[in-house]
């Protein structure tokens, strides 16, 4: 069998789907705004998504994206809903149903259930405003009629792309409205590379009694004991509760060779004043960048714009967490 070049087919499929997305973009209406507002104002309920066939698969992805961006959500299988799972839909919940025709037989029981409970808000994503689903919905996000890629206009391709796109747009709009940031996002993604990228200084810093604090009036012979005990290669020098300086083991070695009475010198004479500090909610990757640019291995961590150190972030701990 002769090998065939399929690039022309791929190009045509992609071009057809791009046209469908452009059509969606130019046809999106105020119903989208209404849907975002009602979802973000839902404080005591969940967003339940359902659909049939390919629309159901897209619905699962939409529900997952909503849940991962701060909107509690789950997917309801339409067939199971007709056999008891309608009980998963509670008052004050929002139901999003996906159906291009708006006449999917499997969704009728969900539509009727929502219609009987006035506290349940029904959002339709369909291409038929006058369909059963379109008429029964509180908000109808109308999708444009698009040409499916491939011969015969029969394979769900362009239609699923625009469903997915409108779902992503809903999720990200709600995310922004709720001010759901990268630190919130990290809580819902504790595994994998994404979690590593979103680790903060607070996740990796040394804190509490492990911090090698030394008073600025301390003699070097006493400071060295703290350095050896804490074994971090650095000392944080305080005046009261404020951090006034830092001293590394490299500084100590150089000073011991320079001063004959090294052990009896007060640490404040040798310390580096006003050490670089970072906030605990800074990304660890940013802290690593600062260390590399300043050619240092440790940073003092502060909660706010004050001089109180609450932790130390060391380059070894960052690298150990596979952050680059």
C-alpha atoms as a PDB file:
ATOM      1  CA  UNK A   1       0.000   0.000   0.000  1.00  0.00           C
ATOM      2  CA  UNK A   2       1.350   3.390  -1.034  1.00  0.00           C
ATOM      3  CA  UNK A   3       1.934   5.887   1.764  1.00  0.00           C
ATOM      4  CA  UNK A   4      -0.293   8.937   1.498  1.00  0.00           C
ATOM      5  CA  UNK A   5       0.497  12.461   2.629  1.00  0.00           C
ATOM      6  CA  UNK A   6      -2.265  13.443   5.056  1.00  0.00           C
ATOM      7  CA  UNK A   7      -1.049  16.990   5.717  1.00  0.00           C
ATOM      8  CA  UNK A   8      -3.616  18.470   3.338  1.00  0.00           C
ATOM      9  CA  UNK A   9      -6.410  16.754   5.247  1.00  0.00           C
ATOM     10  CA  UNK A  10      -5.011  17.951   8.578  1.00  0.00           C
ATOM     11  CA  UNK A  11      -4.714  21.491   7.229  1.00  0.00           C
ATOM     12  CA  UNK A  12      -8.311  21.459   6.001  1.00  0.00           C
ATOM     13  CA  UNK A  13      -9.648  20.083   9.321  1.00  0.00           C
ATOM     14  CA  UNK A  14      -7.799  22.705  11.355  1.00  0.00           C
ATOM     15  CA  UNK A  15      -8.850  25.521   9.014  1.00  0.00           C
ATOM     16  CA  UNK A  16     -12.512  24.446   9.252  1.00  0.00           C
ATOM     17  CA  UNK A  17     -12.342  24.386  13.045  1.00  0.00           C
ATOM     18  CA  UNK A  18     -10.637  27.796  13.155  1.00  0.00           C
ATOM     19  CA  UNK A  19     -13.524  29.205  11.113  1.00  0.00           C
ATOM     20  CA  UNK A  20     -15.994  27.729  13.603  1.00  0.00           C
ATOM     21  CA  UNK A  21     -14.184  29.398  16.511  1.00  0.00           C
ATOM     22  CA  UNK A  22     -14.193  32.746  14.690  1.00  0.00           C
ATOM     23  CA  UNK A  23     -17.922  32.345  14.156  1.00  0.00           C
ATOM     24  CA  UNK A  24     -18.406  31.604  17.862  1.00  0.00           C
ATOM     25  CA  UNK A  25     -16.355  34.672  18.798  1.00  0.00           C
ATOM     26  CA  UNK A  26     -18.492  36.985  16.680  1.00  0.00           C
ATOM     27  CA  UNK A  27     -21.772  35.497  17.933  1.00  0.00           C
ATOM     28  CA  UNK A  28     -21.204  35.324  21.683  1.00  0.00           C
ATOM     29  CA  UNK A  29     -23.908  37.387  23.414  1.00  0.00           C
ATOM     30  CA  UNK A  30     -25.039  38.806  26.742  1.00  0.00           C
ATOM     31  CA  UNK A  31     -26.316  35.419  27.863  1.00  0.00           C
ATOM     32  CA  UNK A  32     -22.656  34.565  28.485  1.00  0.00           C
ATOM     33  CA  UNK A  33     -22.359  37.472  30.956  1.00  0.00           C
ATOM     34  CA  UNK A  34     -25.536  36.323  32.694  1.00  0.00           C
ATOM     35  CA  UNK A  35     -24.161  32.790  33.022  1.00  0.00           C
ATOM     36  CA  UNK A  36     -20.896  34.008  34.559  1.00  0.00           C
ATOM     37  CA  UNK A  37     -22.749  36.245  37.030  1.00  0.00           C
ATOM     38  CA  UNK A  38     -25.110  33.504  38.186  1.00  0.00           C
ATOM     39  CA  UNK A  39     -22.273  30.978  38.576  1.00  0.00           C
ATOM     40  CA  UNK A  40     -20.030  33.332  40.570  1.00  0.00           C
ATOM     41  CA  UNK A  41     -22.928  34.314  42.851  1.00  0.00           C
ATOM     42  CA  UNK A  42     -23.647  30.658  43.667  1.00  0.00           C
ATOM     43  CA  UNK A  43     -22.272  30.433  47.224  1.00  0.00           C
ATOM     44  CA  UNK A  44     -24.180  27.486  48.695  1.00  0.00           C
ATOM     45  CA  UNK A  45     -24.495  25.248  45.668  1.00  0.00           C
ATOM     46  CA  UNK A  46     -22.546  23.399  42.991  1.00  0.00           C
ATOM     47  CA  UNK A  47     -22.333  23.559  39.227  1.00  0.00           C
ATOM     48  CA  UNK A  48     -23.505  20.275  37.719  1.00  0.00           C
ATOM     49  CA  UNK A  49     -22.710  19.591  34.067  1.00  0.00           C
ATOM     50  CA  UNK A  50     -24.291  16.984  31.822  1.00  0.00           C
ATOM     51  CA  UNK A  51     -24.495  16.058  28.176  1.00  0.00           C
ATOM     52  CA  UNK A  52     -24.864  13.060  25.862  1.00  0.00           C
ATOM     53  CA  UNK A  53     -22.299  11.463  23.543  1.00  0.00           C
ATOM     54  CA  UNK A  54     -19.529  13.802  22.418  1.00  0.00           C
ATOM     55  CA  UNK A  55     -21.258  16.680  24.226  1.00  0.00           C
ATOM     56  CA  UNK A  56     -21.034  14.585  27.387  1.00  0.00           C
ATOM     57  CA  UNK A  57     -17.293  14.138  26.942  1.00  0.00           C
ATOM     58  CA  UNK A  58     -16.893  17.886  26.494  1.00  0.00           C
ATOM     59  CA  UNK A  59     -19.116  18.408  29.538  1.00  0.00           C
ATOM     60  CA  UNK A  60     -16.784  16.297  31.673  1.00  0.00           C
ATOM     61  CA  UNK A  61     -13.862  18.473  30.667  1.00  0.00           C
ATOM     62  CA  UNK A  62     -15.807  21.694  31.357  1.00  0.00           C
ATOM     63  CA  UNK A  63     -16.800  20.442  34.814  1.00  0.00           C
ATOM     64  CA  UNK A  64     -13.208  19.468  35.568  1.00  0.00           C
ATOM     65  CA  UNK A  65     -11.929  22.896  34.499  1.00  0.00           C
ATOM     66  CA  UNK A  66     -14.538  24.670  36.626  1.00  0.00           C
ATOM     67  CA  UNK A  67     -13.629  22.579  39.674  1.00  0.00           C
ATOM     68  CA  UNK A  68      -9.897  23.193  39.233  1.00  0.00           C
ATOM     69  CA  UNK A  69     -10.369  26.958  38.984  1.00  0.00           C
ATOM     70  CA  UNK A  70     -12.415  27.568  42.123  1.00  0.00           C
ATOM     71  CA  UNK A  71     -15.989  26.662  41.109  1.00  0.00           C
ATOM     72  CA  UNK A  72     -17.239  23.463  42.827  1.00  0.00           C
ATOM     73  CA  UNK A  73     -18.514  21.220  40.047  1.00  0.00           C
ATOM     74  CA  UNK A  74     -19.086  17.618  38.984  1.00  0.00           C
ATOM     75  CA  UNK A  75     -20.343  15.789  35.900  1.00  0.00           C
ATOM     76  CA  UNK A  76     -23.675  13.963  36.053  1.00  0.00           C
ATOM     77  CA  UNK A  77     -24.186  11.030  33.716  1.00  0.00           C
ATOM     78  CA  UNK A  78     -27.550  11.575  32.036  1.00  0.00           C
ATOM     79  CA  UNK A  79     -28.453   7.886  31.997  1.00  0.00           C
ATOM     80  CA  UNK A  80     -27.672   7.458  35.701  1.00  0.00           C
ATOM     81  CA  UNK A  81     -29.680  10.602  36.436  1.00  0.00           C
ATOM     82  CA  UNK A  82     -32.818   8.806  35.259  1.00  0.00           C
ATOM     83  CA  UNK A  83     -32.138   5.972  37.718  1.00  0.00           C
ATOM     84  CA  UNK A  84     -31.694   7.796  41.010  1.00  0.00           C
ATOM     85  CA  UNK A  85     -28.797  10.175  40.501  1.00  0.00           C
ATOM     86  CA  UNK A  86     -31.121  13.156  40.074  1.00  0.00           C
ATOM     87  CA  UNK A  87     -30.871  13.226  43.879  1.00  0.00           C
ATOM     88  CA  UNK A  88     -27.356  14.621  43.442  1.00  0.00           C
ATOM     89  CA  UNK A  89     -28.901  17.882  42.242  1.00  0.00           C
ATOM     90  CA  UNK A  90     -29.835  20.044  45.213  1.00  0.00           C
ATOM     91  CA  UNK A  91     -31.673  23.293  45.667  1.00  0.00           C
ATOM     92  CA  UNK A  92     -29.497  26.335  44.860  1.00  0.00           C
ATOM     93  CA  UNK A  93     -27.413  24.259  42.441  1.00  0.00           C
ATOM     94  CA  UNK A  94     -26.722  25.350  38.866  1.00  0.00           C
ATOM     95  CA  UNK A  95     -27.131  22.815  36.058  1.00  0.00           C
ATOM     96  CA  UNK A  96     -25.357  23.263  32.725  1.00  0.00           C
ATOM     97  CA  UNK A  97     -26.675  21.030  29.931  1.00  0.00           C
ATOM     98  CA  UNK A  98     -24.891  20.646  26.594  1.00  0.00           C
ATOM     99  CA  UNK A  99     -26.849  19.563  23.531  1.00  0.00           C
ATOM    100  CA  UNK A 100     -26.452  20.922  20.008  1.00  0.00           C
ATOM    101  CA  UNK A 101     -29.980  19.952  19.047  1.00  0.00           C
ATOM    102  CA  UNK A 102     -31.443  20.736  22.462  1.00  0.00           C
ATOM    103  CA  UNK A 103     -33.680  17.697  22.015  1.00  0.00           C
ATOM    104  CA  UNK A 104     -31.514  14.886  23.427  1.00  0.00           C
ATOM    105  CA  UNK A 105     -33.887  12.308  24.848  1.00  0.00           C
ATOM    106  CA  UNK A 106     -31.510  11.388  27.682  1.00  0.00           C
ATOM    107  CA  UNK A 107     -31.568  14.956  29.040  1.00  0.00           C
ATOM    108  CA  UNK A 108     -35.352  15.309  29.269  1.00  0.00           C
ATOM    109  CA  UNK A 109     -35.624  13.938  32.804  1.00  0.00           C
ATOM    110  CA  UNK A 110     -32.944  16.367  34.035  1.00  0.00           C
ATOM    111  CA  UNK A 111     -34.718  19.270  32.292  1.00  0.00           C
ATOM    112  CA  UNK A 112     -38.067  18.353  33.868  1.00  0.00           C
ATOM    113  CA  UNK A 113     -36.497  17.938  37.305  1.00  0.00           C
ATOM    114  CA  UNK A 114     -34.886  21.382  37.123  1.00  0.00           C
ATOM    115  CA  UNK A 115     -38.113  22.956  35.839  1.00  0.00           C
ATOM    116  CA  UNK A 116     -40.035  21.658  38.849  1.00  0.00           C
ATOM    117  CA  UNK A 117     -37.504  23.104  41.314  1.00  0.00           C
ATOM    118  CA  UNK A 118     -37.449  26.869  40.853  1.00  0.00           C
ATOM    119  CA  UNK A 119     -34.323  27.214  43.032  1.00  0.00           C
ATOM    120  CA  UNK A 120     -32.269  25.263  40.505  1.00  0.00           C
ATOM    121  CA  UNK A 121     -30.861  27.446  37.715  1.00  0.00           C
ATOM    122  CA  UNK A 122     -30.605  25.787  34.303  1.00  0.00           C
ATOM    123  CA  UNK A 123     -28.030  27.009  31.780  1.00  0.00           C
ATOM    124  CA  UNK A 124     -28.321  25.637  28.262  1.00  0.00           C
ATOM    125  CA  UNK A 125     -25.454  25.440  25.779  1.00  0.00           C
ATOM    126  CA  UNK A 126     -27.163  24.640  22.493  1.00  0.00           C
ATOM    127  CA  UNK A 127     -27.463  25.736  18.872  1.00  0.00           C
ATOM    128  CA  UNK A 128     -31.296  25.624  18.911  1.00  0.00           C
ATOM    129  CA  UNK A 129     -32.920  28.423  20.911  1.00  0.00           C
ATOM    130  CA  UNK A 130     -36.454  27.089  20.344  1.00  0.00           C
ATOM    131  CA  UNK A 131     -35.582  23.525  21.322  1.00  0.00           C
ATOM    132  CA  UNK A 132     -36.904  21.822  24.453  1.00  0.00           C
ATOM    133  CA  UNK A 133     -33.661  22.650  26.275  1.00  0.00           C
ATOM    134  CA  UNK A 134     -33.496  26.215  24.977  1.00  0.00           C
ATOM    135  CA  UNK A 135     -37.060  27.016  26.040  1.00  0.00           C
ATOM    136  CA  UNK A 136     -36.741  25.381  29.475  1.00  0.00           C
ATOM    137  CA  UNK A 137     -33.475  27.097  30.402  1.00  0.00           C
ATOM    138  CA  UNK A 138     -33.086  30.173  32.579  1.00  0.00           C
ATOM    139  CA  UNK A 139     -30.082  31.212  30.486  1.00  0.00           C
ATOM    140  CA  UNK A 140     -29.439  29.990  26.959  1.00  0.00           C
ATOM    141  CA  UNK A 141     -25.934  30.326  25.544  1.00  0.00           C
ATOM    142  CA  UNK A 142     -26.610  29.990  21.847  1.00  0.00           C
ATOM    143  CA  UNK A 143     -23.923  28.357  19.718  1.00  0.00           C
ATOM    144  CA  UNK A 144     -23.662  29.213  16.015  1.00  0.00           C
ATOM    145  CA  UNK A 145     -24.332  26.593  13.356  1.00  0.00           C
ATOM    146  CA  UNK A 146     -20.936  25.477  12.099  1.00  0.00           C
ATOM    147  CA  UNK A 147     -19.622  23.197   9.389  1.00  0.00           C
ATOM    148  CA  UNK A 148     -18.125  19.959  10.685  1.00  0.00           C
ATOM    149  CA  UNK A 149     -14.689  19.058   9.346  1.00  0.00           C
ATOM    150  CA  UNK A 150     -14.438  16.142   6.968  1.00  0.00           C
ATOM    151  CA  UNK A 151     -16.680  14.812   4.220  1.00  0.00           C
ATOM    152  CA  UNK A 152     -20.444  14.902   4.618  1.00  0.00           C
ATOM    153  CA  UNK A 153     -20.523  17.349   7.564  1.00  0.00           C
ATOM    154  CA  UNK A 154     -21.338  14.381   9.838  1.00  0.00           C
ATOM    155  CA  UNK A 155     -18.409  13.907  12.263  1.00  0.00           C
ATOM    156  CA  UNK A 156     -18.661  16.020  15.478  1.00  0.00           C
ATOM    157  CA  UNK A 157     -15.528  18.144  15.173  1.00  0.00           C
ATOM    158  CA  UNK A 158     -16.172  21.863  14.810  1.00  0.00           C
ATOM    159  CA  UNK A 159     -19.246  21.592  17.022  1.00  0.00           C
ATOM    160  CA  UNK A 160     -17.284  19.995  19.878  1.00  0.00           C
ATOM    161  CA  UNK A 161     -14.486  22.557  19.521  1.00  0.00           C
ATOM    162  CA  UNK A 162     -16.883  25.463  20.051  1.00  0.00           C
ATOM    163  CA  UNK A 163     -18.537  23.695  23.012  1.00  0.00           C
ATOM    164  CA  UNK A 164     -15.147  23.202  24.615  1.00  0.00           C
ATOM    165  CA  UNK A 165     -14.147  26.784  23.927  1.00  0.00           C
ATOM    166  CA  UNK A 166     -17.296  28.291  25.458  1.00  0.00           C
ATOM    167  CA  UNK A 167     -16.787  26.052  28.512  1.00  0.00           C
ATOM    168  CA  UNK A 168     -13.197  27.223  28.943  1.00  0.00           C
ATOM    169  CA  UNK A 169     -14.342  30.819  28.560  1.00  0.00           C
ATOM    170  CA  UNK A 170     -16.949  30.311  31.299  1.00  0.00           C
ATOM    171  CA  UNK A 171     -14.453  28.724  33.682  1.00  0.00           C
ATOM    172  CA  UNK A 172     -11.771  31.376  33.202  1.00  0.00           C
ATOM    173  CA  UNK A 173     -14.263  34.236  33.425  1.00  0.00           C
ATOM    174  CA  UNK A 174     -15.524  32.860  36.749  1.00  0.00           C
ATOM    175  CA  UNK A 175     -11.925  32.376  37.885  1.00  0.00           C
ATOM    176  CA  UNK A 176     -11.109  36.023  37.207  1.00  0.00           C
ATOM    177  CA  UNK A 177     -14.333  37.302  38.753  1.00  0.00           C
ATOM    178  CA  UNK A 178     -13.579  35.340  41.942  1.00  0.00           C
ATOM    179  CA  UNK A 179      -9.971  36.599  41.933  1.00  0.00           C
ATOM    180  CA  UNK A 180      -8.829  32.978  41.997  1.00  0.00           C
ATOM    181  CA  UNK A 181      -5.032  33.317  41.719  1.00  0.00           C
ATOM    182  CA  UNK A 182      -2.031  31.074  41.214  1.00  0.00           C
ATOM    183  CA  UNK A 183      -1.737  30.282  44.927  1.00  0.00           C
ATOM    184  CA  UNK A 184      -5.371  29.152  45.022  1.00  0.00           C
ATOM    185  CA  UNK A 185      -4.738  27.155  41.859  1.00  0.00           C
ATOM    186  CA  UNK A 186      -1.794  25.419  43.524  1.00  0.00           C
ATOM    187  CA  UNK A 187      -4.012  24.088  46.326  1.00  0.00           C
ATOM    188  CA  UNK A 188      -6.055  22.148  43.793  1.00  0.00           C
ATOM    189  CA  UNK A 189      -2.998  20.849  41.917  1.00  0.00           C
ATOM    190  CA  UNK A 190      -0.674  19.315  44.547  1.00  0.00           C
ATOM    191  CA  UNK A 191       0.799  16.757  42.165  1.00  0.00           C
ATOM    192  CA  UNK A 192       2.970  16.851  39.072  1.00  0.00           C
ATOM    193  CA  UNK A 193       5.086  19.486  37.396  1.00  0.00           C
ATOM    194  CA  UNK A 194       2.468  22.191  37.845  1.00  0.00           C
ATOM    195  CA  UNK A 195       2.692  21.886  41.618  1.00  0.00           C
ATOM    196  CA  UNK A 196       6.484  22.169  41.451  1.00  0.00           C
ATOM    197  CA  UNK A 197       6.274  25.369  39.393  1.00  0.00           C
ATOM    198  CA  UNK A 198       3.802  26.885  41.849  1.00  0.00           C
ATOM    199  CA  UNK A 199       5.683  26.099  45.055  1.00  0.00           C
ATOM    200  CA  UNK A 200       6.201  29.186  47.175  1.00  0.00           C
ATOM    201  CA  UNK A 201       9.019  30.248  49.458  1.00  0.00           C
ATOM    202  CA  UNK A 202       6.798  29.350  52.422  1.00  0.00           C
ATOM    203  CA  UNK A 203       6.518  25.739  51.173  1.00  0.00           C
ATOM    204  CA  UNK A 204      10.290  25.234  51.300  1.00  0.00           C
ATOM    205  CA  UNK A 205      11.617  27.661  53.912  1.00  0.00           C
ATOM    206  CA  UNK A 206      13.283  26.748  57.206  1.00  0.00           C
ATOM    207  CA  UNK A 207      11.282  28.173  60.095  1.00  0.00           C
ATOM    208  CA  UNK A 208      10.741  28.210  63.837  1.00  0.00           C
ATOM    209  CA  UNK A 209      13.513  26.986  66.101  1.00  0.00           C
ATOM    210  CA  UNK A 210      15.568  25.833  63.121  1.00  0.00           C
ATOM    211  CA  UNK A 211      16.374  29.441  62.175  1.00  0.00           C
ATOM    212  CA  UNK A 212      19.937  30.302  63.381  1.00  0.00           C
ATOM    213  CA  UNK A 213      19.204  33.588  65.148  1.00  0.00           C
ATOM    214  CA  UNK A 214      22.033  35.397  66.924  1.00  0.00           C
ATOM    215  CA  UNK A 215      21.926  38.724  68.788  1.00  0.00           C
ATOM    216  CA  UNK A 216      24.068  41.467  67.273  1.00  0.00           C
ATOM    217  CA  UNK A 217      25.982  41.862  70.561  1.00  0.00           C
ATOM    218  CA  UNK A 218      27.012  38.197  70.627  1.00  0.00           C
ATOM    219  CA  UNK A 219      30.709  37.326  70.484  1.00  0.00           C
ATOM    220  CA  UNK A 220      31.919  35.293  67.555  1.00  0.00           C
ATOM    221  CA  UNK A 221      32.899  32.320  69.734  1.00  0.00           C
ATOM    222  CA  UNK A 222      29.249  31.990  70.784  1.00  0.00           C
ATOM    223  CA  UNK A 223      27.937  32.644  67.281  1.00  0.00           C
ATOM    224  CA  UNK A 224      30.061  29.806  65.912  1.00  0.00           C
ATOM    225  CA  UNK A 225      28.353  27.393  68.336  1.00  0.00           C
ATOM    226  CA  UNK A 226      24.970  28.381  66.901  1.00  0.00           C
ATOM    227  CA  UNK A 227      26.308  28.030  63.368  1.00  0.00           C
ATOM    228  CA  UNK A 228      27.578  24.510  64.054  1.00  0.00           C
ATOM    229  CA  UNK A 229      24.410  23.489  65.878  1.00  0.00           C
ATOM    230  CA  UNK A 230      21.968  24.683  63.208  1.00  0.00           C
ATOM    231  CA  UNK A 231      24.242  23.479  60.386  1.00  0.00           C
ATOM    232  CA  UNK A 232      22.816  25.806  57.722  1.00  0.00           C
ATOM    233  CA  UNK A 233      25.983  27.708  56.849  1.00  0.00           C
ATOM    234  CA  UNK A 234      24.417  31.039  57.742  1.00  0.00           C
ATOM    235  CA  UNK A 235      23.498  33.168  60.762  1.00  0.00           C
ATOM    236  CA  UNK A 236      20.636  35.676  60.991  1.00  0.00           C
ATOM    237  CA  UNK A 237      21.571  38.597  63.246  1.00  0.00           C
ATOM    238  CA  UNK A 238      18.850  40.309  65.255  1.00  0.00           C
ATOM    239  CA  UNK A 239      18.405  43.470  67.256  1.00  0.00           C
ATOM    240  CA  UNK A 240      15.330  42.886  69.353  1.00  0.00           C
ATOM    241  CA  UNK A 241      12.872  41.194  66.980  1.00  0.00           C
ATOM    242  CA  UNK A 242      14.259  42.918  63.881  1.00  0.00           C
ATOM    243  CA  UNK A 243      16.764  41.362  61.513  1.00  0.00           C
ATOM    244  CA  UNK A 244      19.727  43.676  61.019  1.00  0.00           C
ATOM    245  CA  UNK A 245      22.281  41.479  59.288  1.00  0.00           C
ATOM    246  CA  UNK A 246      23.411  38.124  57.962  1.00  0.00           C
ATOM    247  CA  UNK A 247      26.676  36.196  58.187  1.00  0.00           C
ATOM    248  CA  UNK A 248      27.687  33.159  56.146  1.00  0.00           C
ATOM    249  CA  UNK A 249      30.272  30.497  56.928  1.00  0.00           C
ATOM    250  CA  UNK A 250      32.345  31.945  54.087  1.00  0.00           C
ATOM    251  CA  UNK A 251      32.339  35.320  55.848  1.00  0.00           C
ATOM    252  CA  UNK A 252      33.467  33.608  59.042  1.00  0.00           C
ATOM    253  CA  UNK A 253      36.385  31.852  57.387  1.00  0.00           C
ATOM    254  CA  UNK A 254      37.640  35.061  55.843  1.00  0.00           C
ATOM    255  CA  UNK A 255      37.233  36.984  59.117  1.00  0.00           C
ATOM    256  CA  UNK A 256      39.037  34.288  61.138  1.00  0.00           C
ATOM    257  CA  UNK A 257      42.079  34.696  58.900  1.00  0.00           C
ATOM    258  CA  UNK A 258      41.949  38.482  59.095  1.00  0.00           C
ATOM    259  CA  UNK A 259      41.469  39.061  62.837  1.00  0.00           C
ATOM    260  CA  UNK A 260      43.736  37.637  65.552  1.00  0.00           C
ATOM    261  CA  UNK A 261      41.159  38.211  68.285  1.00  0.00           C
ATOM    262  CA  UNK A 262      38.411  36.750  66.086  1.00  0.00           C
ATOM    263  CA  UNK A 263      36.591  34.860  68.877  1.00  0.00           C
ATOM    264  CA  UNK A 264      36.086  37.990  70.975  1.00  0.00           C
ATOM    265  CA  UNK A 265      34.771  40.237  68.187  1.00  0.00           C
ATOM    266  CA  UNK A 266      31.079  41.139  68.302  1.00  0.00           C
ATOM    267  CA  UNK A 267      29.166  39.692  65.398  1.00  0.00           C
ATOM    268  CA  UNK A 268      27.711  43.065  64.404  1.00  0.00           C
ATOM    269  CA  UNK A 269      31.172  44.143  63.304  1.00  0.00           C
ATOM    270  CA  UNK A 270      31.430  41.357  60.724  1.00  0.00           C
ATOM    271  CA  UNK A 271      27.845  40.945  59.536  1.00  0.00           C
ATOM    272  CA  UNK A 272      26.450  42.072  56.191  1.00  0.00           C
ATOM    273  CA  UNK A 273      23.837  44.710  57.010  1.00  0.00           C
ATOM    274  CA  UNK A 274      20.307  44.839  55.583  1.00  0.00           C
ATOM    275  CA  UNK A 275      20.233  41.353  54.030  1.00  0.00           C
ATOM    276  CA  UNK A 276      18.039  40.718  50.991  1.00  0.00           C
ATOM    277  CA  UNK A 277      14.569  39.621  52.049  1.00  0.00           C
ATOM    278  CA  UNK A 278      11.613  38.132  50.230  1.00  0.00           C
ATOM    279  CA  UNK A 279       7.964  37.587  51.084  1.00  0.00           C
ATOM    280  CA  UNK A 280       6.791  34.094  51.943  1.00  0.00           C
ATOM    281  CA  UNK A 281       4.198  34.014  49.148  1.00  0.00           C
ATOM    282  CA  UNK A 282       6.848  34.569  46.459  1.00  0.00           C
ATOM    283  CA  UNK A 283       7.278  31.673  44.040  1.00  0.00           C
ATOM    284  CA  UNK A 284      10.345  29.609  44.914  1.00  0.00           C
ATOM    285  CA  UNK A 285      11.469  29.892  41.275  1.00  0.00           C
ATOM    286  CA  UNK A 286      11.598  33.677  41.667  1.00  0.00           C
ATOM    287  CA  UNK A 287      13.642  33.335  44.862  1.00  0.00           C
ATOM    288  CA  UNK A 288      16.085  31.081  43.005  1.00  0.00           C
ATOM    289  CA  UNK A 289      16.420  33.713  40.279  1.00  0.00           C
ATOM    290  CA  UNK A 290      17.292  36.349  42.898  1.00  0.00           C
ATOM    291  CA  UNK A 291      19.922  34.078  44.447  1.00  0.00           C
ATOM    292  CA  UNK A 292      21.505  33.394  41.069  1.00  0.00           C
ATOM    293  CA  UNK A 293      21.606  37.066  40.091  1.00  0.00           C
ATOM    294  CA  UNK A 294      23.018  38.158  43.473  1.00  0.00           C
ATOM    295  CA  UNK A 295      25.322  35.112  43.713  1.00  0.00           C
ATOM    296  CA  UNK A 296      24.057  34.178  47.190  1.00  0.00           C
ATOM    297  CA  UNK A 297      22.706  30.944  48.651  1.00  0.00           C
ATOM    298  CA  UNK A 298      20.173  32.104  51.275  1.00  0.00           C
ATOM    299  CA  UNK A 299      17.407  34.661  51.629  1.00  0.00           C
ATOM    300  CA  UNK A 300      15.593  35.968  54.697  1.00  0.00           C
ATOM    301  CA  UNK A 301      11.836  35.472  54.497  1.00  0.00           C
ATOM    302  CA  UNK A 302       9.491  38.120  55.877  1.00  0.00           C
ATOM    303  CA  UNK A 303       5.693  38.174  56.137  1.00  0.00           C
ATOM    304  CA  UNK A 304       5.078  41.822  55.332  1.00  0.00           C
ATOM    305  CA  UNK A 305       7.090  44.983  54.878  1.00  0.00           C
ATOM    306  CA  UNK A 306       8.778  44.614  58.247  1.00  0.00           C
ATOM    307  CA  UNK A 307      12.170  43.545  59.526  1.00  0.00           C
ATOM    308  CA  UNK A 308      11.080  40.364  61.296  1.00  0.00           C
ATOM    309  CA  UNK A 309      12.443  37.176  59.753  1.00  0.00           C
ATOM    310  CA  UNK A 310       9.992  34.251  59.785  1.00  0.00           C
ATOM    311  CA  UNK A 311      12.095  31.841  57.744  1.00  0.00           C
ATOM    312  CA  UNK A 312      15.154  31.174  55.611  1.00  0.00           C
ATOM    313  CA  UNK A 313      15.029  29.861  52.074  1.00  0.00           C
ATOM    314  CA  UNK A 314      18.209  28.059  51.000  1.00  0.00           C
ATOM    315  CA  UNK A 315      19.222  27.309  47.441  1.00  0.00           C
ATOM    316  CA  UNK A 316      19.765  23.631  48.262  1.00  0.00           C
ATOM    317  CA  UNK A 317      16.123  23.230  49.367  1.00  0.00           C
ATOM    318  CA  UNK A 318      14.913  24.839  46.144  1.00  0.00           C
ATOM    319  CA  UNK A 319      17.074  22.631  43.945  1.00  0.00           C
ATOM    320  CA  UNK A 320      16.090  19.562  45.969  1.00  0.00           C
ATOM    321  CA  UNK A 321      12.451  20.332  45.059  1.00  0.00           C
ATOM    322  CA  UNK A 322      13.430  20.144  41.341  1.00  0.00           C
ATOM    323  CA  UNK A 323      12.783  23.848  40.817  1.00  0.00           C
ATOM    324  CA  UNK A 324      14.973  25.439  38.174  1.00  0.00           C
END
